[in-house]
Amino acid sequence: LSTNQTTLNGHFQIEGDTVGRTEQDIDPVIRFYHRCDDDLKKIGYRTFAISYPKEYVTIGRVPRKPFDIGKLNLQIIYPRENRDMKFFD
């Protein structure tokens, strides 16, 4: 529903809206694509996803309850982490 990039110090805020959708067809997940602590010779980006509870999905344009994901250490390998070859530097 939306994409964004981090600031220079790693912060991000992302919003999407559900116009034209119902709560039943939304899979609340945030996907991360990054090159942190990665071998620069490798092609593509490291990627993983984090699901979050549906209670943070608001039908409409204005979010009612923000989800604070906290701090993530991108040096570790997350469960089901893959390499996405669609994006290149």
PDB file of N, CA and C in Angstrom:
ATOM      1  N   LEU A   1       0.810  -1.200   0.000  1.00  0.00           N
ATOM      2  CA  LEU A   1       0.000   0.000   0.000  1.00  0.00           C
ATOM      3  C   LEU A   1       0.854   1.266   0.000  1.00  0.00           C
ATOM      4  N   SER A   2       2.140   1.123   0.417  1.00  0.00           N
ATOM      5  CA  SER A   2       3.007   2.288   0.462  1.00  0.00           C
ATOM      6  C   SER A   2       4.465   1.852   0.487  1.00  0.00           C
ATOM      7  N   THR A   3       5.361   2.759   0.104  1.00  0.00           N
ATOM      8  CA  THR A   3       6.797   2.515   0.195  1.00  0.00           C
ATOM      9  C   THR A   3       7.460   3.755   0.776  1.00  0.00           C
ATOM     10  N   ASN A   4       8.640   3.559   1.365  1.00  0.00           N
ATOM     11  CA  ASN A   4       9.368   4.667   1.951  1.00  0.00           C
ATOM     12  C   ASN A   4      10.820   4.270   2.134  1.00  0.00           C
ATOM     13  N   GLN A   5      11.699   5.254   2.362  1.00  0.00           N
ATOM     14  CA  GLN A   5      13.098   4.996   2.671  1.00  0.00           C
ATOM     15  C   GLN A   5      13.415   5.617   4.019  1.00  0.00           C
ATOM     16  N   THR A   6      14.451   5.081   4.681  1.00  0.00           N
ATOM     17  CA  THR A   6      14.844   5.610   5.976  1.00  0.00           C
ATOM     18  C   THR A   6      15.563   6.944   5.822  1.00  0.00           C
ATOM     19  N   THR A   7      15.615   7.683   6.936  1.00  0.00           N
ATOM     20  CA  THR A   7      16.432   8.889   6.985  1.00  0.00           C
ATOM     21  C   THR A   7      17.885   8.458   7.125  1.00  0.00           C
ATOM     22  N   LEU A   8      18.808   9.408   7.128  1.00  0.00           N
ATOM     23  CA  LEU A   8      20.230   9.078   7.269  1.00  0.00           C
ATOM     24  C   LEU A   8      20.542   8.351   8.575  1.00  0.00           C
ATOM     25  N   ASN A   9      19.749   8.608   9.624  1.00  0.00           N
ATOM     26  CA  ASN A   9      19.996   7.918  10.889  1.00  0.00           C
ATOM     27  C   ASN A   9      19.105   6.693  11.080  1.00  0.00           C
ATOM     28  N   GLY A  10      18.435   6.249  10.024  1.00  0.00           N
ATOM     29  CA  GLY A  10      17.708   4.987  10.064  1.00  0.00           C
ATOM     30  C   GLY A  10      16.253   5.050  10.476  1.00  0.00           C
ATOM     31  N   HIS A  11      15.713   6.228  10.738  1.00  0.00           N
ATOM     32  CA  HIS A  11      14.307   6.335  11.124  1.00  0.00           C
ATOM     33  C   HIS A  11      13.408   6.278   9.892  1.00  0.00           C
ATOM     34  N   PHE A  12      12.215   5.754  10.102  1.00  0.00           N
ATOM     35  CA  PHE A  12      11.234   5.782   9.018  1.00  0.00           C
ATOM     36  C   PHE A  12       9.838   5.855   9.594  1.00  0.00           C
ATOM     37  N   GLN A  13       8.937   6.390   8.804  1.00  0.00           N
ATOM     38  CA  GLN A  13       7.516   6.414   9.130  1.00  0.00           C
ATOM     39  C   GLN A  13       6.800   6.100   7.833  1.00  0.00           C
ATOM     40  N   ILE A  14       5.839   5.214   7.914  1.00  0.00           N
ATOM     41  CA  ILE A  14       5.149   4.808   6.691  1.00  0.00           C
ATOM     42  C   ILE A  14       3.651   4.763   6.957  1.00  0.00           C
ATOM     43  N   GLU A  15       2.879   5.221   5.995  1.00  0.00           N
ATOM     44  CA  GLU A  15       1.424   5.166   6.074  1.00  0.00           C
ATOM     45  C   GLU A  15       0.890   4.676   4.740  1.00  0.00           C
ATOM     46  N   GLY A  16      -0.174   3.945   4.810  1.00  0.00           N
ATOM     47  CA  GLY A  16      -0.885   3.525   3.617  1.00  0.00           C
ATOM     48  C   GLY A  16      -2.366   3.702   3.888  1.00  0.00           C
ATOM     49  N   ASP A  17      -3.178   3.688   2.872  1.00  0.00           N
ATOM     50  CA  ASP A  17      -4.611   3.764   3.126  1.00  0.00           C
ATOM     51  C   ASP A  17      -5.312   2.572   2.505  1.00  0.00           C
ATOM     52  N   THR A  18      -6.527   2.363   2.953  1.00  0.00           N
ATOM     53  CA  THR A  18      -7.286   1.179   2.549  1.00  0.00           C
ATOM     54  C   THR A  18      -8.430   1.523   1.608  1.00  0.00           C
ATOM     55  N   VAL A  19      -8.353   2.662   0.968  1.00  0.00           N
ATOM     56  CA  VAL A  19      -9.416   3.062   0.054  1.00  0.00           C
ATOM     57  C   VAL A  19      -9.559   1.992  -1.028  1.00  0.00           C
ATOM     58  N   GLY A  20     -10.774   1.494  -1.203  1.00  0.00           N
ATOM     59  CA  GLY A  20     -11.038   0.467  -2.205  1.00  0.00           C
ATOM     60  C   GLY A  20     -10.781  -0.946  -1.713  1.00  0.00           C
ATOM     61  N   ARG A  21     -10.485  -1.096  -0.439  1.00  0.00           N
ATOM     62  CA  ARG A  21     -10.225  -2.425   0.118  1.00  0.00           C
ATOM     63  C   ARG A  21     -11.106  -2.644   1.344  1.00  0.00           C
ATOM     64  N   THR A  22     -11.208  -3.898   1.726  1.00  0.00           N
ATOM     65  CA  THR A  22     -11.873  -4.225   2.980  1.00  0.00           C
ATOM     66  C   THR A  22     -10.837  -4.814   3.923  1.00  0.00           C
ATOM     67  N   GLU A  23     -11.149  -4.805   5.200  1.00  0.00           N
ATOM     68  CA  GLU A  23     -10.207  -5.313   6.199  1.00  0.00           C
ATOM     69  C   GLU A  23      -9.848  -6.774   5.940  1.00  0.00           C
ATOM     70  N   GLN A  24     -10.770  -7.541   5.367  1.00  0.00           N
ATOM     71  CA  GLN A  24     -10.533  -8.960   5.145  1.00  0.00           C
ATOM     72  C   GLN A  24      -9.458  -9.235   4.106  1.00  0.00           C
ATOM     73  N   ASP A  25      -9.227  -8.321   3.160  1.00  0.00           N
ATOM     74  CA  ASP A  25      -8.240  -8.612   2.114  1.00  0.00           C
ATOM     75  C   ASP A  25      -6.895  -7.912   2.344  1.00  0.00           C
ATOM     76  N   ILE A  26      -6.640  -7.471   3.581  1.00  0.00           N
ATOM     77  CA  ILE A  26      -5.365  -6.837   3.910  1.00  0.00           C
ATOM     78  C   ILE A  26      -4.532  -7.788   4.751  1.00  0.00           C
ATOM     79  N   ASP A  27      -3.317  -8.035   4.285  1.00  0.00           N
ATOM     80  CA  ASP A  27      -2.352  -8.836   5.037  1.00  0.00           C
ATOM     81  C   ASP A  27      -1.363  -7.845   5.650  1.00  0.00           C
ATOM     82  N   PRO A  28      -1.545  -7.469   6.933  1.00  0.00           N
ATOM     83  CA  PRO A  28      -0.692  -6.432   7.514  1.00  0.00           C
ATOM     84  C   PRO A  28       0.748  -6.910   7.706  1.00  0.00           C
ATOM     85  N   VAL A  29       1.617  -6.461   6.820  1.00  0.00           N
ATOM     86  CA  VAL A  29       3.015  -6.883   6.846  1.00  0.00           C
ATOM     87  C   VAL A  29       3.885  -5.724   6.361  1.00  0.00           C
ATOM     88  N   ILE A  30       5.058  -5.594   6.957  1.00  0.00           N
ATOM     89  CA  ILE A  30       6.045  -4.617   6.517  1.00  0.00           C
ATOM     90  C   ILE A  30       7.207  -5.399   5.930  1.00  0.00           C
ATOM     91  N   ARG A  31       7.592  -5.069   4.713  1.00  0.00           N
ATOM     92  CA  ARG A  31       8.718  -5.738   4.053  1.00  0.00           C
ATOM     93  C   ARG A  31       9.919  -4.794   4.046  1.00  0.00           C
ATOM     94  N   PHE A  32      11.062  -5.338   4.389  1.00  0.00           N
ATOM     95  CA  PHE A  32      12.305  -4.567   4.448  1.00  0.00           C
ATOM     96  C   PHE A  32      13.256  -5.055   3.367  1.00  0.00           C
ATOM     97  N   TYR A  33      13.876  -4.117   2.669  1.00  0.00           N
ATOM     98  CA  TYR A  33      14.903  -4.394   1.663  1.00  0.00           C
ATOM     99  C   TYR A  33      16.116  -3.566   2.069  1.00  0.00           C
ATOM    100  N   HIS A  34      17.259  -4.216   2.271  1.00  0.00           N
ATOM    101  CA  HIS A  34      18.415  -3.465   2.757  1.00  0.00           C
ATOM    102  C   HIS A  34      19.724  -4.112   2.337  1.00  0.00           C
ATOM    103  N   ARG A  35      20.802  -3.345   2.495  1.00  0.00           N
ATOM    104  CA  ARG A  35      22.158  -3.817   2.201  1.00  0.00           C
ATOM    105  C   ARG A  35      23.043  -3.718   3.449  1.00  0.00           C
ATOM    106  N   CYS A  36      22.456  -3.562   4.616  1.00  0.00           N
ATOM    107  CA  CYS A  36      23.208  -3.395   5.860  1.00  0.00           C
ATOM    108  C   CYS A  36      24.058  -4.627   6.145  1.00  0.00           C
ATOM    109  N   ASP A  37      25.317  -4.396   6.502  1.00  0.00           N
ATOM    110  CA  ASP A  37      26.257  -5.460   6.861  1.00  0.00           C
ATOM    111  C   ASP A  37      26.300  -6.546   5.784  1.00  0.00           C
ATOM    112  N   ASP A  38      26.251  -6.132   4.532  1.00  0.00           N
ATOM    113  CA  ASP A  38      26.190  -7.060   3.412  1.00  0.00           C
ATOM    114  C   ASP A  38      27.477  -6.969   2.594  1.00  0.00           C
ATOM    115  N   ASP A  39      27.850  -8.056   1.981  1.00  0.00           N
ATOM    116  CA  ASP A  39      29.005  -8.083   1.086  1.00  0.00           C
ATOM    117  C   ASP A  39      28.654  -7.268  -0.160  1.00  0.00           C
ATOM    118  N   LEU A  40      29.412  -6.218  -0.429  1.00  0.00           N
ATOM    119  CA  LEU A  40      29.101  -5.333  -1.556  1.00  0.00           C
ATOM    120  C   LEU A  40      29.223  -6.020  -2.906  1.00  0.00           C
ATOM    121  N   LYS A  41      29.867  -7.177  -2.955  1.00  0.00           N
ATOM    122  CA  LYS A  41      29.993  -7.922  -4.213  1.00  0.00           C
ATOM    123  C   LYS A  41      28.711  -8.681  -4.554  1.00  0.00           C
ATOM    124  N   LYS A  42      27.856  -8.887  -3.560  1.00  0.00           N
ATOM    125  CA  LYS A  42      26.607  -9.609  -3.802  1.00  0.00           C
ATOM    126  C   LYS A  42      25.610  -8.703  -4.515  1.00  0.00           C
ATOM    127  N   ILE A  43      24.852  -9.292  -5.417  1.00  0.00           N
ATOM    128  CA  ILE A  43      23.847  -8.560  -6.178  1.00  0.00           C
ATOM    129  C   ILE A  43      22.511  -8.656  -5.452  1.00  0.00           C
ATOM    130  N   GLY A  44      21.742  -7.581  -5.492  1.00  0.00           N
ATOM    131  CA  GLY A  44      20.422  -7.577  -4.889  1.00  0.00           C
ATOM    132  C   GLY A  44      20.438  -7.082  -3.457  1.00  0.00           C
ATOM    133  N   TYR A  45      19.288  -7.188  -2.822  1.00  0.00           N
ATOM    134  CA  TYR A  45      19.096  -6.706  -1.462  1.00  0.00           C
ATOM    135  C   TYR A  45      18.673  -7.840  -0.541  1.00  0.00           C
ATOM    136  N   ARG A  46      19.109  -7.759   0.707  1.00  0.00           N
ATOM    137  CA  ARG A  46      18.582  -8.654   1.728  1.00  0.00           C
ATOM    138  C   ARG A  46      17.148  -8.210   2.001  1.00  0.00           C
ATOM    139  N   THR A  47      16.251  -9.162   2.196  1.00  0.00           N
ATOM    140  CA  THR A  47      14.852  -8.813   2.430  1.00  0.00           C
ATOM    141  C   THR A  47      14.214  -9.763   3.433  1.00  0.00           C
ATOM    142  N   PHE A  48      13.333  -9.202   4.242  1.00  0.00           N
ATOM    143  CA  PHE A  48      12.544  -9.990   5.186  1.00  0.00           C
ATOM    144  C   PHE A  48      11.257  -9.227   5.464  1.00  0.00           C
ATOM    145  N   ALA A  49      10.305  -9.894   6.076  1.00  0.00           N
ATOM    146  CA  ALA A  49       9.009  -9.279   6.362  1.00  0.00           C
ATOM    147  C   ALA A  49       8.644  -9.490   7.825  1.00  0.00           C
ATOM    148  N   ILE A  50       7.943  -8.529   8.369  1.00  0.00           N
ATOM    149  CA  ILE A  50       7.413  -8.625   9.727  1.00  0.00           C
ATOM    150  C   ILE A  50       5.915  -8.382   9.646  1.00  0.00           C
ATOM    151  N   SER A  51       5.136  -9.343  10.129  1.00  0.00           N
ATOM    152  CA  SER A  51       3.684  -9.175  10.195  1.00  0.00           C
ATOM    153  C   SER A  51       3.335  -8.411  11.465  1.00  0.00           C
ATOM    154  N   TYR A  52       2.232  -7.706  11.422  1.00  0.00           N
ATOM    155  CA  TYR A  52       1.766  -7.024  12.624  1.00  0.00           C
ATOM    156  C   TYR A  52       0.262  -7.246  12.757  1.00  0.00           C
ATOM    157  N   PRO A  53      -0.299  -7.060  13.971  1.00  0.00           N
ATOM    158  CA  PRO A  53      -1.704  -7.391  14.223  1.00  0.00           C
ATOM    159  C   PRO A  53      -2.676  -6.555  13.392  1.00  0.00           C
ATOM    160  N   LYS A  54      -3.783  -7.179  13.002  1.00  0.00           N
ATOM    161  CA  LYS A  54      -4.805  -6.491  12.198  1.00  0.00           C
ATOM    162  C   LYS A  54      -5.461  -5.343  12.952  1.00  0.00           C
ATOM    163  N   GLU A  55      -5.320  -5.326  14.276  1.00  0.00           N
ATOM    164  CA  GLU A  55      -5.927  -4.238  15.049  1.00  0.00           C
ATOM    165  C   GLU A  55      -5.314  -2.876  14.694  1.00  0.00           C
ATOM    166  N   TYR A  56      -4.164  -2.872  14.022  1.00  0.00           N
ATOM    167  CA  TYR A  56      -3.521  -1.633  13.600  1.00  0.00           C
ATOM    168  C   TYR A  56      -3.944  -1.208  12.199  1.00  0.00           C
ATOM    169  N   VAL A  57      -4.805  -1.983  11.559  1.00  0.00           N
ATOM    170  CA  VAL A  57      -5.330  -1.632  10.236  1.00  0.00           C
ATOM    171  C   VAL A  57      -6.617  -0.848  10.438  1.00  0.00           C
ATOM    172  N   THR A  58      -6.683   0.328   9.852  1.00  0.00           N
ATOM    173  CA  THR A  58      -7.863   1.174   9.929  1.00  0.00           C
ATOM    174  C   THR A  58      -8.456   1.276   8.530  1.00  0.00           C
ATOM    175  N   ILE A  59      -9.733   1.015   8.407  1.00  0.00           N
ATOM    176  CA  ILE A  59     -10.392   1.165   7.118  1.00  0.00           C
ATOM    177  C   ILE A  59     -10.600   2.658   6.867  1.00  0.00           C
ATOM    178  N   GLY A  60     -10.115   3.143   5.732  1.00  0.00           N
ATOM    179  CA  GLY A  60     -10.208   4.561   5.394  1.00  0.00           C
ATOM    180  C   GLY A  60      -8.837   5.175   5.185  1.00  0.00           C
ATOM    181  N   ARG A  61      -8.761   6.492   5.235  1.00  0.00           N
ATOM    182  CA  ARG A  61      -7.517   7.214   4.950  1.00  0.00           C
ATOM    183  C   ARG A  61      -6.730   7.618   6.193  1.00  0.00           C
ATOM    184  N   VAL A  62      -7.377   7.784   7.337  1.00  0.00           N
ATOM    185  CA  VAL A  62      -6.714   8.313   8.531  1.00  0.00           C
ATOM    186  C   VAL A  62      -6.438   7.183   9.524  1.00  0.00           C
ATOM    187  N   PRO A  63      -5.146   6.927   9.832  1.00  0.00           N
ATOM    188  CA  PRO A  63      -4.838   5.870  10.804  1.00  0.00           C
ATOM    189  C   PRO A  63      -5.284   6.266  12.210  1.00  0.00           C
ATOM    190  N   ARG A  64      -5.817   5.300  12.950  1.00  0.00           N
ATOM    191  CA  ARG A  64      -6.289   5.575  14.306  1.00  0.00           C
ATOM    192  C   ARG A  64      -5.318   5.101  15.371  1.00  0.00           C
ATOM    193  N   LYS A  65      -4.530   4.081  15.051  1.00  0.00           N
ATOM    194  CA  LYS A  65      -3.650   3.494  16.056  1.00  0.00           C
ATOM    195  C   LYS A  65      -2.297   3.206  15.408  1.00  0.00           C
ATOM    196  N   PRO A  66      -1.250   3.967  15.748  1.00  0.00           N
ATOM    197  CA  PRO A  66       0.070   3.714  15.146  1.00  0.00           C
ATOM    198  C   PRO A  66       0.720   2.459  15.710  1.00  0.00           C
ATOM    199  N   PHE A  67       1.493   1.772  14.894  1.00  0.00           N
ATOM    200  CA  PHE A  67       2.242   0.585  15.307  1.00  0.00           C
ATOM    201  C   PHE A  67       3.711   0.981  15.410  1.00  0.00           C
ATOM    202  N   ASP A  68       4.279   0.870  16.607  1.00  0.00           N
ATOM    203  CA  ASP A  68       5.691   1.199  16.825  1.00  0.00           C
ATOM    204  C   ASP A  68       6.494  -0.086  16.714  1.00  0.00           C
ATOM    205  N   ILE A  69       7.261  -0.211  15.651  1.00  0.00           N
ATOM    206  CA  ILE A  69       8.032  -1.432  15.421  1.00  0.00           C
ATOM    207  C   ILE A  69       9.277  -1.481  16.302  1.00  0.00           C
ATOM    208  N   GLY A  70       9.652  -0.347  16.883  1.00  0.00           N
ATOM    209  CA  GLY A  70      10.828  -0.312  17.750  1.00  0.00           C
ATOM    210  C   GLY A  70      12.113  -0.235  16.952  1.00  0.00           C
ATOM    211  N   LYS A  71      13.190  -0.760  17.525  1.00  0.00           N
ATOM    212  CA  LYS A  71      14.490  -0.761  16.853  1.00  0.00           C
ATOM    213  C   LYS A  71      14.762  -2.140  16.276  1.00  0.00           C
ATOM    214  N   LEU A  72      15.318  -2.176  15.077  1.00  0.00           N
ATOM    215  CA  LEU A  72      15.676  -3.433  14.426  1.00  0.00           C
ATOM    216  C   LEU A  72      17.176  -3.459  14.182  1.00  0.00           C
ATOM    217  N   ASN A  73      17.805  -4.571  14.477  1.00  0.00           N
ATOM    218  CA  ASN A  73      19.216  -4.763  14.177  1.00  0.00           C
ATOM    219  C   ASN A  73      19.300  -5.474  12.833  1.00  0.00           C
ATOM    220  N   LEU A  74      19.713  -4.767  11.796  1.00  0.00           N
ATOM    221  CA  LEU A  74      19.752  -5.346  10.458  1.00  0.00           C
ATOM    222  C   LEU A  74      21.034  -6.117  10.182  1.00  0.00           C
ATOM    223  N   GLN A  75      21.913  -6.223  11.182  1.00  0.00           N
ATOM    224  CA  GLN A  75      23.117  -7.033  11.013  1.00  0.00           C
ATOM    225  C   GLN A  75      22.802  -8.523  11.141  1.00  0.00           C
ATOM    226  N   ILE A  76      21.761  -8.854  11.915  1.00  0.00           N
ATOM    227  CA  ILE A  76      21.430 -10.270  12.089  1.00  0.00           C
ATOM    228  C   ILE A  76      20.650 -10.768  10.875  1.00  0.00           C
ATOM    229  N   ILE A  77      20.586 -12.070  10.718  1.00  0.00           N
ATOM    230  CA  ILE A  77      19.787 -12.668   9.646  1.00  0.00           C
ATOM    231  C   ILE A  77      18.437 -13.039  10.247  1.00  0.00           C
ATOM    232  N   TYR A  78      17.377 -12.472   9.699  1.00  0.00           N
ATOM    233  CA  TYR A  78      16.034 -12.703  10.215  1.00  0.00           C
ATOM    234  C   TYR A  78      15.467 -14.015   9.679  1.00  0.00           C
ATOM    235  N   PRO A  79      14.528 -14.615  10.428  1.00  0.00           N
ATOM    236  CA  PRO A  79      13.880 -15.834   9.929  1.00  0.00           C
ATOM    237  C   PRO A  79      13.260 -15.587   8.556  1.00  0.00           C
ATOM    238  N   ARG A  80      13.442 -16.517   7.669  1.00  0.00           N
ATOM    239  CA  ARG A  80      12.920 -16.463   6.293  1.00  0.00           C
ATOM    240  C   ARG A  80      13.487 -15.277   5.500  1.00  0.00           C
ATOM    241  N   GLU A  81      14.674 -14.790   5.886  1.00  0.00           N
ATOM    242  CA  GLU A  81      15.321 -13.726   5.113  1.00  0.00           C
ATOM    243  C   GLU A  81      15.783 -14.296   3.779  1.00  0.00           C
ATOM    244  N   ASN A  82      15.634 -13.517   2.728  1.00  0.00           N
ATOM    245  CA  ASN A  82      16.015 -13.919   1.376  1.00  0.00           C
ATOM    246  C   ASN A  82      16.839 -12.819   0.730  1.00  0.00           C
ATOM    247  N   ARG A  83      17.202 -13.057  -0.507  1.00  0.00           N
ATOM    248  CA  ARG A  83      17.880 -12.034  -1.309  1.00  0.00           C
ATOM    249  C   ARG A  83      16.975 -11.732  -2.497  1.00  0.00           C
ATOM    250  N   ASP A  84      16.621 -10.465  -2.661  1.00  0.00           N
ATOM    251  CA  ASP A  84      15.751 -10.041  -3.757  1.00  0.00           C
ATOM    252  C   ASP A  84      16.623  -9.491  -4.876  1.00  0.00           C
ATOM    253  N   MET A  85      16.527 -10.094  -6.039  1.00  0.00           N
ATOM    254  CA  MET A  85      17.370  -9.725  -7.174  1.00  0.00           C
ATOM    255  C   MET A  85      16.714  -8.680  -8.082  1.00  0.00           C
ATOM    256  N   LYS A  86      15.514  -8.206  -7.737  1.00  0.00           N
ATOM    257  CA  LYS A  86      14.824  -7.226  -8.581  1.00  0.00           C
ATOM    258  C   LYS A  86      15.408  -5.827  -8.438  1.00  0.00           C
ATOM    259  N   PHE A  87      16.101  -5.581  -7.322  1.00  0.00           N
ATOM    260  CA  PHE A  87      16.642  -4.250  -7.054  1.00  0.00           C
ATOM    261  C   PHE A  87      18.157  -4.299  -7.121  1.00  0.00           C
ATOM    262  N   PHE A  88      18.744  -3.348  -7.804  1.00  0.00           N
ATOM    263  CA  PHE A  88      20.197  -3.266  -7.943  1.00  0.00           C
ATOM    264  C   PHE A  88      20.649  -1.858  -7.611  1.00  0.00           C
ATOM    265  N   ASP A  89      21.906  -1.731  -7.201  1.00  0.00           N
ATOM    266  CA  ASP A  89      22.483  -0.400  -6.946  1.00  0.00           C
ATOM    267  C   ASP A  89      22.935   0.223  -8.237  1.00  0.00           C
TER     268      ASP A  89
END
